[in-house]
Amino acid sequence: MSTVLTILVGALMAMLVMVPMWRIEQRRGQRVIAVRPREGLDILLARVERLLQTSALVWQRYVWQLGWRYVIHIVLRSLLVGIANLYNGLLTYFEYNRRATKYLKRDKRRWLQSGLWYELDKHKQAAALTEEEKIQRKAKALAGD
């Protein structure tokens, strides 16, 4: 506790000395005590201020650029996810369409193999004329009988 108390008392004494000195210098319009070191300190503080302003501008530009890059990244990622979802949806539709087509072909085959059309086709093949019968009918039709 004594260290804190010592620092506090020292700071209070420095302020008691400096405040009247600042008032005197303001009235005169020029510095009275430690002119050169204080001018050097002013120059150093001006450089630090310029450095801080420059780095603040650079930092602001960096933050804005980084922010825009994040926005662009989010938009592009959303587009990528959308395109991927569309692709997966199309794949699902194509798979469904392929299964439906196979089912329809199988159903058509079954339908053609059973029922009236199949029976008509079987009858047509069974009742078909042989080559000799075709020649005989053709000759009879040409003869006019």
N, C-alpha and C. Protein backbone atom coordinates (compact mmCIF):
# COMPACT_ATOMS: atom_id res chain seq x y z
N MET A 1 0.81 -1.19 0.00
CA MET A 1 0.00 0.00 0.00
C MET A 1 0.86 1.26 0.00
N SER A 2 2.05 1.16 0.54
CA SER A 2 2.90 2.34 0.62
C SER A 2 3.38 2.77 -0.77
N THR A 3 3.55 1.81 -1.71
CA THR A 3 3.97 2.15 -3.07
C THR A 3 2.87 2.95 -3.77
N VAL A 4 1.65 2.51 -3.63
CA VAL A 4 0.53 3.21 -4.24
C VAL A 4 0.40 4.60 -3.64
N LEU A 5 0.55 4.70 -2.34
CA LEU A 5 0.45 5.99 -1.66
C LEU A 5 1.58 6.91 -2.10
N THR A 6 2.78 6.39 -2.27
CA THR A 6 3.92 7.19 -2.72
C THR A 6 3.67 7.73 -4.12
N ILE A 7 3.17 6.87 -5.02
CA ILE A 7 2.89 7.31 -6.40
C ILE A 7 1.80 8.37 -6.40
N LEU A 8 0.78 8.19 -5.59
CA LEU A 8 -0.31 9.14 -5.51
C LEU A 8 0.17 10.50 -5.00
N VAL A 9 0.98 10.51 -3.96
CA VAL A 9 1.50 11.76 -3.41
C VAL A 9 2.42 12.45 -4.42
N GLY A 10 3.27 11.66 -5.11
CA GLY A 10 4.16 12.23 -6.12
C GLY A 10 3.39 12.85 -7.27
N ALA A 11 2.34 12.19 -7.73
CA ALA A 11 1.53 12.73 -8.82
C ALA A 11 0.82 14.00 -8.38
N LEU A 12 0.33 14.03 -7.15
CA LEU A 12 -0.35 15.22 -6.63
C LEU A 12 0.61 16.40 -6.53
N MET A 13 1.83 16.14 -6.06
CA MET A 13 2.82 17.22 -5.96
C MET A 13 3.21 17.73 -7.34
N ALA A 14 3.37 16.82 -8.31
CA ALA A 14 3.71 17.24 -9.67
C ALA A 14 2.60 18.11 -10.25
N MET A 15 1.38 17.76 -10.00
CA MET A 15 0.26 18.56 -10.50
C MET A 15 0.21 19.92 -9.82
N LEU A 16 0.53 19.98 -8.51
CA LEU A 16 0.53 21.26 -7.80
C LEU A 16 1.61 22.19 -8.33
N VAL A 17 2.70 21.62 -8.84
CA VAL A 17 3.77 22.44 -9.42
C VAL A 17 3.43 22.82 -10.85
N MET A 18 2.87 21.91 -11.62
CA MET A 18 2.67 22.12 -13.05
C MET A 18 1.49 23.04 -13.37
N VAL A 19 0.44 22.99 -12.60
CA VAL A 19 -0.73 23.82 -12.91
C VAL A 19 -0.39 25.31 -12.85
N PRO A 20 0.27 25.79 -11.81
CA PRO A 20 0.63 27.22 -11.83
C PRO A 20 1.60 27.56 -12.97
N MET A 21 2.51 26.61 -13.29
CA MET A 21 3.45 26.85 -14.38
C MET A 21 2.70 26.99 -15.72
N TRP A 22 1.70 26.17 -15.97
CA TRP A 22 0.91 26.26 -17.22
C TRP A 22 0.15 27.58 -17.29
N ARG A 23 -0.33 28.04 -16.14
CA ARG A 23 -1.06 29.31 -16.14
C ARG A 23 -0.13 30.47 -16.49
N ILE A 24 1.07 30.45 -15.92
CA ILE A 24 2.05 31.51 -16.21
C ILE A 24 2.42 31.49 -17.69
N GLU A 25 2.66 30.28 -18.24
CA GLU A 25 3.04 30.17 -19.65
C GLU A 25 1.91 30.61 -20.57
N GLN A 26 0.68 30.36 -20.18
CA GLN A 26 -0.44 30.78 -21.02
C GLN A 26 -0.57 32.30 -21.03
N ARG A 27 -0.31 32.92 -19.89
CA ARG A 27 -0.38 34.39 -19.85
C ARG A 27 0.73 35.01 -20.71
N ARG A 28 1.93 34.47 -20.62
CA ARG A 28 3.06 35.01 -21.39
C ARG A 28 3.00 34.62 -22.87
N GLY A 29 2.42 33.48 -23.15
CA GLY A 29 2.34 33.02 -24.53
C GLY A 29 3.58 32.27 -24.98
N GLN A 30 4.47 31.94 -24.09
CA GLN A 30 5.66 31.16 -24.42
C GLN A 30 6.03 30.28 -23.24
N ARG A 31 6.87 29.30 -23.51
CA ARG A 31 7.28 28.39 -22.45
C ARG A 31 8.38 29.01 -21.61
N VAL A 32 8.36 28.63 -20.32
CA VAL A 32 9.32 29.21 -19.40
C VAL A 32 10.30 28.16 -18.91
N ILE A 33 9.81 27.00 -18.53
CA ILE A 33 10.63 25.98 -17.91
C ILE A 33 10.83 24.82 -18.89
N ALA A 34 12.04 24.31 -19.01
CA ALA A 34 12.41 23.14 -19.82
C ALA A 34 11.89 23.27 -21.24
N VAL A 35 12.32 24.35 -21.91
CA VAL A 35 11.80 24.67 -23.24
C VAL A 35 12.22 23.62 -24.27
N ARG A 36 13.53 23.32 -24.37
CA ARG A 36 14.01 22.38 -25.40
C ARG A 36 13.48 20.96 -25.21
N PRO A 37 13.54 20.39 -24.01
CA PRO A 37 12.99 19.04 -23.86
C PRO A 37 11.50 18.97 -24.19
N ARG A 38 10.77 20.01 -23.84
CA ARG A 38 9.33 20.01 -24.13
C ARG A 38 9.07 20.17 -25.62
N GLU A 39 9.90 20.94 -26.33
CA GLU A 39 9.75 21.04 -27.79
C GLU A 39 10.06 19.70 -28.44
N GLY A 40 11.10 19.02 -27.95
CA GLY A 40 11.42 17.68 -28.47
C GLY A 40 10.28 16.70 -28.21
N LEU A 41 9.68 16.85 -27.03
CA LEU A 41 8.54 16.00 -26.69
C LEU A 41 7.34 16.32 -27.60
N ASP A 42 7.16 17.62 -27.92
CA ASP A 42 6.08 18.00 -28.84
C ASP A 42 6.28 17.37 -30.22
N ILE A 43 7.52 17.42 -30.71
CA ILE A 43 7.82 16.83 -32.02
C ILE A 43 7.57 15.32 -31.98
N LEU A 44 8.03 14.68 -30.91
CA LEU A 44 7.82 13.23 -30.77
C LEU A 44 6.32 12.90 -30.73
N LEU A 45 5.57 13.69 -29.96
CA LEU A 45 4.12 13.46 -29.87
C LEU A 45 3.43 13.71 -31.22
N ALA A 46 3.90 14.71 -31.99
CA ALA A 46 3.33 14.97 -33.31
C ALA A 46 3.58 13.78 -34.25
N ARG A 47 4.80 13.21 -34.17
CA ARG A 47 5.10 12.03 -34.99
C ARG A 47 4.23 10.84 -34.60
N VAL A 48 4.09 10.65 -33.30
CA VAL A 48 3.25 9.54 -32.81
C VAL A 48 1.80 9.75 -33.27
N GLU A 49 1.34 11.01 -33.19
CA GLU A 49 -0.03 11.31 -33.64
C GLU A 49 -0.19 11.00 -35.13
N ARG A 50 0.77 11.45 -35.96
CA ARG A 50 0.72 11.15 -37.40
C ARG A 50 0.73 9.65 -37.66
N LEU A 51 1.59 8.93 -36.93
CA LEU A 51 1.66 7.48 -37.08
C LEU A 51 0.33 6.83 -36.72
N LEU A 52 -0.25 7.28 -35.63
CA LEU A 52 -1.55 6.73 -35.21
C LEU A 52 -2.65 7.05 -36.22
N GLN A 53 -2.64 8.27 -36.78
CA GLN A 53 -3.64 8.62 -37.79
C GLN A 53 -3.47 7.77 -39.04
N THR A 54 -2.22 7.60 -39.48
CA THR A 54 -1.95 6.79 -40.67
C THR A 54 -2.36 5.35 -40.44
N SER A 55 -1.96 4.82 -39.28
CA SER A 55 -2.32 3.43 -39.02
C SER A 55 -3.83 3.28 -38.82
N ALA A 56 -4.50 4.31 -38.31
CA ALA A 56 -5.95 4.25 -38.17
C ALA A 56 -6.60 4.20 -39.55
N LEU A 57 -6.08 5.01 -40.49
CA LEU A 57 -6.62 4.97 -41.86
C LEU A 57 -6.38 3.62 -42.51
N VAL A 58 -5.17 3.11 -42.34
CA VAL A 58 -4.85 1.79 -42.90
C VAL A 58 -5.74 0.73 -42.27
N TRP A 59 -5.91 0.81 -40.97
CA TRP A 59 -6.75 -0.15 -40.25
C TRP A 59 -8.20 -0.07 -40.73
N GLN A 60 -8.71 1.16 -40.91
CA GLN A 60 -10.08 1.32 -41.40
C GLN A 60 -10.22 0.72 -42.80
N ARG A 61 -9.26 1.01 -43.68
CA ARG A 61 -9.32 0.42 -45.02
C ARG A 61 -9.29 -1.10 -44.95
N TYR A 62 -8.41 -1.61 -44.10
CA TYR A 62 -8.29 -3.07 -43.97
C TYR A 62 -9.59 -3.67 -43.47
N VAL A 63 -10.19 -3.03 -42.46
CA VAL A 63 -11.45 -3.55 -41.92
C VAL A 63 -12.54 -3.51 -42.98
N TRP A 64 -12.62 -2.42 -43.73
CA TRP A 64 -13.65 -2.34 -44.79
C TRP A 64 -13.40 -3.39 -45.87
N GLN A 65 -12.15 -3.52 -46.30
CA GLN A 65 -11.83 -4.53 -47.32
C GLN A 65 -12.15 -5.93 -46.81
N LEU A 66 -11.77 -6.18 -45.58
CA LEU A 66 -12.04 -7.49 -45.00
C LEU A 66 -13.54 -7.73 -44.89
N GLY A 67 -14.27 -6.69 -44.49
CA GLY A 67 -15.73 -6.81 -44.40
C GLY A 67 -16.35 -7.12 -45.75
N TRP A 68 -15.92 -6.40 -46.79
CA TRP A 68 -16.45 -6.66 -48.13
C TRP A 68 -16.07 -8.05 -48.61
N ARG A 69 -14.86 -8.48 -48.28
CA ARG A 69 -14.45 -9.83 -48.69
C ARG A 69 -15.31 -10.88 -47.99
N TYR A 70 -15.64 -10.64 -46.72
CA TYR A 70 -16.52 -11.57 -46.03
C TYR A 70 -17.91 -11.58 -46.68
N VAL A 71 -18.40 -10.38 -47.05
CA VAL A 71 -19.71 -10.31 -47.69
C VAL A 71 -19.68 -11.06 -49.02
N ILE A 72 -18.64 -10.82 -49.82
CA ILE A 72 -18.52 -11.52 -51.10
C ILE A 72 -18.40 -13.02 -50.87
N HIS A 73 -17.63 -13.40 -49.86
CA HIS A 73 -17.48 -14.82 -49.54
C HIS A 73 -18.82 -15.44 -49.17
N ILE A 74 -19.61 -14.74 -48.37
CA ILE A 74 -20.92 -15.26 -47.96
C ILE A 74 -21.83 -15.39 -49.16
N VAL A 75 -21.83 -14.38 -50.05
CA VAL A 75 -22.69 -14.44 -51.24
C VAL A 75 -22.26 -15.60 -52.14
N LEU A 76 -20.96 -15.72 -52.38
CA LEU A 76 -20.48 -16.81 -53.24
C LEU A 76 -20.75 -18.17 -52.63
N ARG A 77 -20.59 -18.27 -51.32
CA ARG A 77 -20.88 -19.54 -50.64
C ARG A 77 -22.37 -19.88 -50.75
N SER A 78 -23.22 -18.86 -50.60
CA SER A 78 -24.66 -19.10 -50.75
C SER A 78 -24.99 -19.56 -52.16
N LEU A 79 -24.36 -18.93 -53.15
CA LEU A 79 -24.56 -19.36 -54.54
C LEU A 79 -24.10 -20.80 -54.73
N LEU A 80 -22.95 -21.14 -54.16
CA LEU A 80 -22.44 -22.50 -54.27
C LEU A 80 -23.39 -23.50 -53.64
N VAL A 81 -23.89 -23.18 -52.46
CA VAL A 81 -24.83 -24.08 -51.78
C VAL A 81 -26.10 -24.20 -52.60
N GLY A 82 -26.58 -23.08 -53.17
CA GLY A 82 -27.77 -23.13 -54.01
C GLY A 82 -27.57 -23.99 -55.24
N ILE A 83 -26.43 -23.82 -55.90
CA ILE A 83 -26.15 -24.62 -57.09
C ILE A 83 -26.02 -26.10 -56.72
N ALA A 84 -25.37 -26.38 -55.59
CA ALA A 84 -25.22 -27.78 -55.15
C ALA A 84 -26.60 -28.38 -54.84
N ASN A 85 -27.46 -27.61 -54.19
CA ASN A 85 -28.81 -28.12 -53.92
C ASN A 85 -29.60 -28.34 -55.21
N LEU A 86 -29.45 -27.43 -56.17
CA LEU A 86 -30.11 -27.60 -57.46
C LEU A 86 -29.60 -28.86 -58.15
N TYR A 87 -28.29 -29.06 -58.13
CA TYR A 87 -27.69 -30.25 -58.74
C TYR A 87 -28.22 -31.52 -58.08
N ASN A 88 -28.25 -31.53 -56.74
CA ASN A 88 -28.77 -32.71 -56.04
C ASN A 88 -30.24 -32.93 -56.35
N GLY A 89 -31.01 -31.84 -56.47
CA GLY A 89 -32.42 -31.97 -56.84
C GLY A 89 -32.58 -32.56 -58.23
N LEU A 90 -31.76 -32.09 -59.17
CA LEU A 90 -31.83 -32.63 -60.53
C LEU A 90 -31.43 -34.10 -60.55
N LEU A 91 -30.39 -34.46 -59.79
CA LEU A 91 -30.01 -35.87 -59.72
C LEU A 91 -31.15 -36.72 -59.16
N THR A 92 -31.80 -36.23 -58.12
CA THR A 92 -32.92 -36.96 -57.54
C THR A 92 -34.04 -37.11 -58.56
N TYR A 93 -34.32 -36.02 -59.31
CA TYR A 93 -35.37 -36.08 -60.33
C TYR A 93 -34.98 -37.08 -61.42
N PHE A 94 -33.72 -37.06 -61.86
CA PHE A 94 -33.30 -37.99 -62.91
C PHE A 94 -33.40 -39.44 -62.44
N GLU A 95 -33.01 -39.68 -61.18
CA GLU A 95 -33.14 -41.04 -60.64
C GLU A 95 -34.60 -41.46 -60.59
N TYR A 96 -35.46 -40.57 -60.15
CA TYR A 96 -36.90 -40.86 -60.13
C TYR A 96 -37.41 -41.13 -61.54
N ASN A 97 -36.98 -40.30 -62.49
CA ASN A 97 -37.42 -40.46 -63.88
C ASN A 97 -36.92 -41.79 -64.44
N ARG A 98 -35.69 -42.17 -64.13
CA ARG A 98 -35.14 -43.44 -64.61
C ARG A 98 -35.95 -44.62 -64.05
N ARG A 99 -36.25 -44.55 -62.74
CA ARG A 99 -37.05 -45.62 -62.14
C ARG A 99 -38.45 -45.66 -62.75
N ALA A 100 -39.04 -44.48 -62.96
CA ALA A 100 -40.38 -44.44 -63.54
C ALA A 100 -40.37 -44.99 -64.96
N THR A 101 -39.33 -44.66 -65.72
CA THR A 101 -39.24 -45.16 -67.10
C THR A 101 -39.09 -46.67 -67.11
N LYS A 102 -38.24 -47.19 -66.23
CA LYS A 102 -38.10 -48.65 -66.15
C LYS A 102 -39.42 -49.31 -65.78
N TYR A 103 -40.13 -48.71 -64.85
CA TYR A 103 -41.42 -49.25 -64.43
C TYR A 103 -42.41 -49.23 -65.59
N LEU A 104 -42.43 -48.12 -66.33
CA LEU A 104 -43.37 -48.01 -67.46
C LEU A 104 -43.03 -49.03 -68.56
N LYS A 105 -41.73 -49.19 -68.84
CA LYS A 105 -41.34 -50.19 -69.85
C LYS A 105 -41.74 -51.59 -69.42
N ARG A 106 -41.48 -51.90 -68.16
CA ARG A 106 -41.85 -53.22 -67.64
C ARG A 106 -43.37 -53.40 -67.68
N ASP A 107 -44.09 -52.36 -67.31
CA ASP A 107 -45.55 -52.42 -67.32
C ASP A 107 -46.07 -52.57 -68.75
N LYS A 108 -45.45 -51.85 -69.69
CA LYS A 108 -45.88 -51.96 -71.08
C LYS A 108 -45.62 -53.37 -71.61
N ARG A 109 -44.46 -53.94 -71.26
CA ARG A 109 -44.15 -55.29 -71.69
C ARG A 109 -45.18 -56.29 -71.15
N ARG A 110 -45.50 -56.11 -69.88
CA ARG A 110 -46.51 -57.00 -69.28
C ARG A 110 -47.86 -56.82 -69.96
N TRP A 111 -48.20 -55.57 -70.22
CA TRP A 111 -49.49 -55.29 -70.84
C TRP A 111 -49.56 -55.89 -72.25
N LEU A 112 -48.42 -55.77 -72.99
CA LEU A 112 -48.41 -56.33 -74.33
C LEU A 112 -48.42 -57.85 -74.30
N GLN A 113 -47.85 -58.46 -73.27
CA GLN A 113 -47.80 -59.91 -73.20
C GLN A 113 -49.08 -60.50 -72.63
N SER A 114 -49.94 -59.70 -72.15
CA SER A 114 -51.21 -60.21 -71.65
C SER A 114 -52.32 -59.34 -72.21
N GLY A 115 -53.46 -59.94 -72.41
CA GLY A 115 -54.60 -59.15 -72.87
C GLY A 115 -54.83 -59.31 -74.36
N LEU A 116 -55.68 -58.45 -74.84
CA LEU A 116 -56.18 -58.53 -76.22
C LEU A 116 -55.06 -58.38 -77.25
N TRP A 117 -54.17 -57.41 -77.04
CA TRP A 117 -53.14 -57.16 -78.05
C TRP A 117 -52.20 -58.35 -78.18
N TYR A 118 -51.86 -58.93 -77.07
CA TYR A 118 -51.00 -60.11 -77.11
C TYR A 118 -51.69 -61.25 -77.82
N GLU A 119 -52.96 -61.45 -77.53
CA GLU A 119 -53.74 -62.51 -78.18
C GLU A 119 -53.84 -62.28 -79.67
N LEU A 120 -54.08 -61.04 -80.06
CA LEU A 120 -54.17 -60.72 -81.50
C LEU A 120 -52.84 -61.00 -82.20
N ASP A 121 -51.75 -60.62 -81.55
CA ASP A 121 -50.44 -60.85 -82.13
C ASP A 121 -50.16 -62.35 -82.26
N LYS A 122 -50.49 -63.12 -81.23
CA LYS A 122 -50.30 -64.58 -81.29
C LYS A 122 -51.16 -65.18 -82.41
N HIS A 123 -52.40 -64.71 -82.55
CA HIS A 123 -53.28 -65.22 -83.60
C HIS A 123 -52.74 -64.86 -84.98
N LYS A 124 -52.21 -63.65 -85.09
CA LYS A 124 -51.64 -63.22 -86.37
C LYS A 124 -50.46 -64.10 -86.77
N GLN A 125 -49.61 -64.41 -85.81
CA GLN A 125 -48.47 -65.27 -86.10
C GLN A 125 -48.91 -66.71 -86.40
N ALA A 126 -49.93 -67.17 -85.70
CA ALA A 126 -50.41 -68.55 -85.92
C ALA A 126 -51.14 -68.67 -87.26
N ALA A 127 -51.87 -67.64 -87.63
CA ALA A 127 -52.66 -67.69 -88.85
C ALA A 127 -51.89 -67.21 -90.07
N ALA A 128 -50.64 -66.91 -89.91
CA ALA A 128 -49.84 -66.39 -91.02
C ALA A 128 -49.68 -67.47 -92.08
N LEU A 129 -49.69 -67.05 -93.32
CA LEU A 129 -49.55 -67.96 -94.45
C LEU A 129 -48.09 -68.34 -94.62
N THR A 130 -47.85 -69.54 -95.08
CA THR A 130 -46.50 -69.97 -95.40
C THR A 130 -46.12 -69.35 -96.74
N GLU A 131 -44.89 -69.49 -97.11
CA GLU A 131 -44.42 -68.91 -98.37
C GLU A 131 -45.12 -69.55 -99.56
N GLU A 132 -45.33 -70.84 -99.50
CA GLU A 132 -46.01 -71.53 -100.62
C GLU A 132 -47.43 -71.04 -100.78
N GLU A 133 -48.14 -70.86 -99.64
CA GLU A 133 -49.52 -70.39 -99.71
C GLU A 133 -49.58 -68.97 -100.26
N LYS A 134 -48.60 -68.15 -99.89
CA LYS A 134 -48.55 -66.78 -100.40
C LYS A 134 -48.37 -66.78 -101.91
N ILE A 135 -47.48 -67.67 -102.43
CA ILE A 135 -47.23 -67.75 -103.87
C ILE A 135 -48.48 -68.22 -104.60
N GLN A 136 -49.15 -69.24 -104.03
CA GLN A 136 -50.37 -69.78 -104.66
C GLN A 136 -51.46 -68.71 -104.72
N ARG A 137 -51.66 -67.95 -103.63
CA ARG A 137 -52.71 -66.93 -103.61
C ARG A 137 -52.38 -65.81 -104.59
N LYS A 138 -51.11 -65.50 -104.70
CA LYS A 138 -50.71 -64.44 -105.61
C LYS A 138 -50.97 -64.86 -107.06
N ALA A 139 -50.63 -66.13 -107.37
CA ALA A 139 -50.83 -66.62 -108.74
C ALA A 139 -52.33 -66.69 -109.05
N LYS A 140 -53.14 -67.10 -108.07
CA LYS A 140 -54.59 -67.19 -108.28
C LYS A 140 -55.19 -65.79 -108.47
N ALA A 141 -54.69 -64.80 -107.74
CA ALA A 141 -55.20 -63.44 -107.88
C ALA A 141 -54.82 -62.84 -109.20
N LEU A 142 -53.65 -63.19 -109.69
CA LEU A 142 -53.21 -62.68 -111.00
C LEU A 142 -53.95 -63.38 -112.14
N ALA A 143 -54.30 -64.62 -111.94
CA ALA A 143 -55.03 -65.35 -112.97
C ALA A 143 -56.46 -64.87 -113.06
N GLY A 144 -56.95 -64.26 -112.02
CA GLY A 144 -58.30 -63.74 -112.04
C GLY A 144 -59.33 -64.72 -111.56
N ASP A 145 -58.97 -65.77 -111.01
CA ASP A 145 -59.95 -66.76 -110.51
C ASP A 145 -60.40 -66.43 -109.15
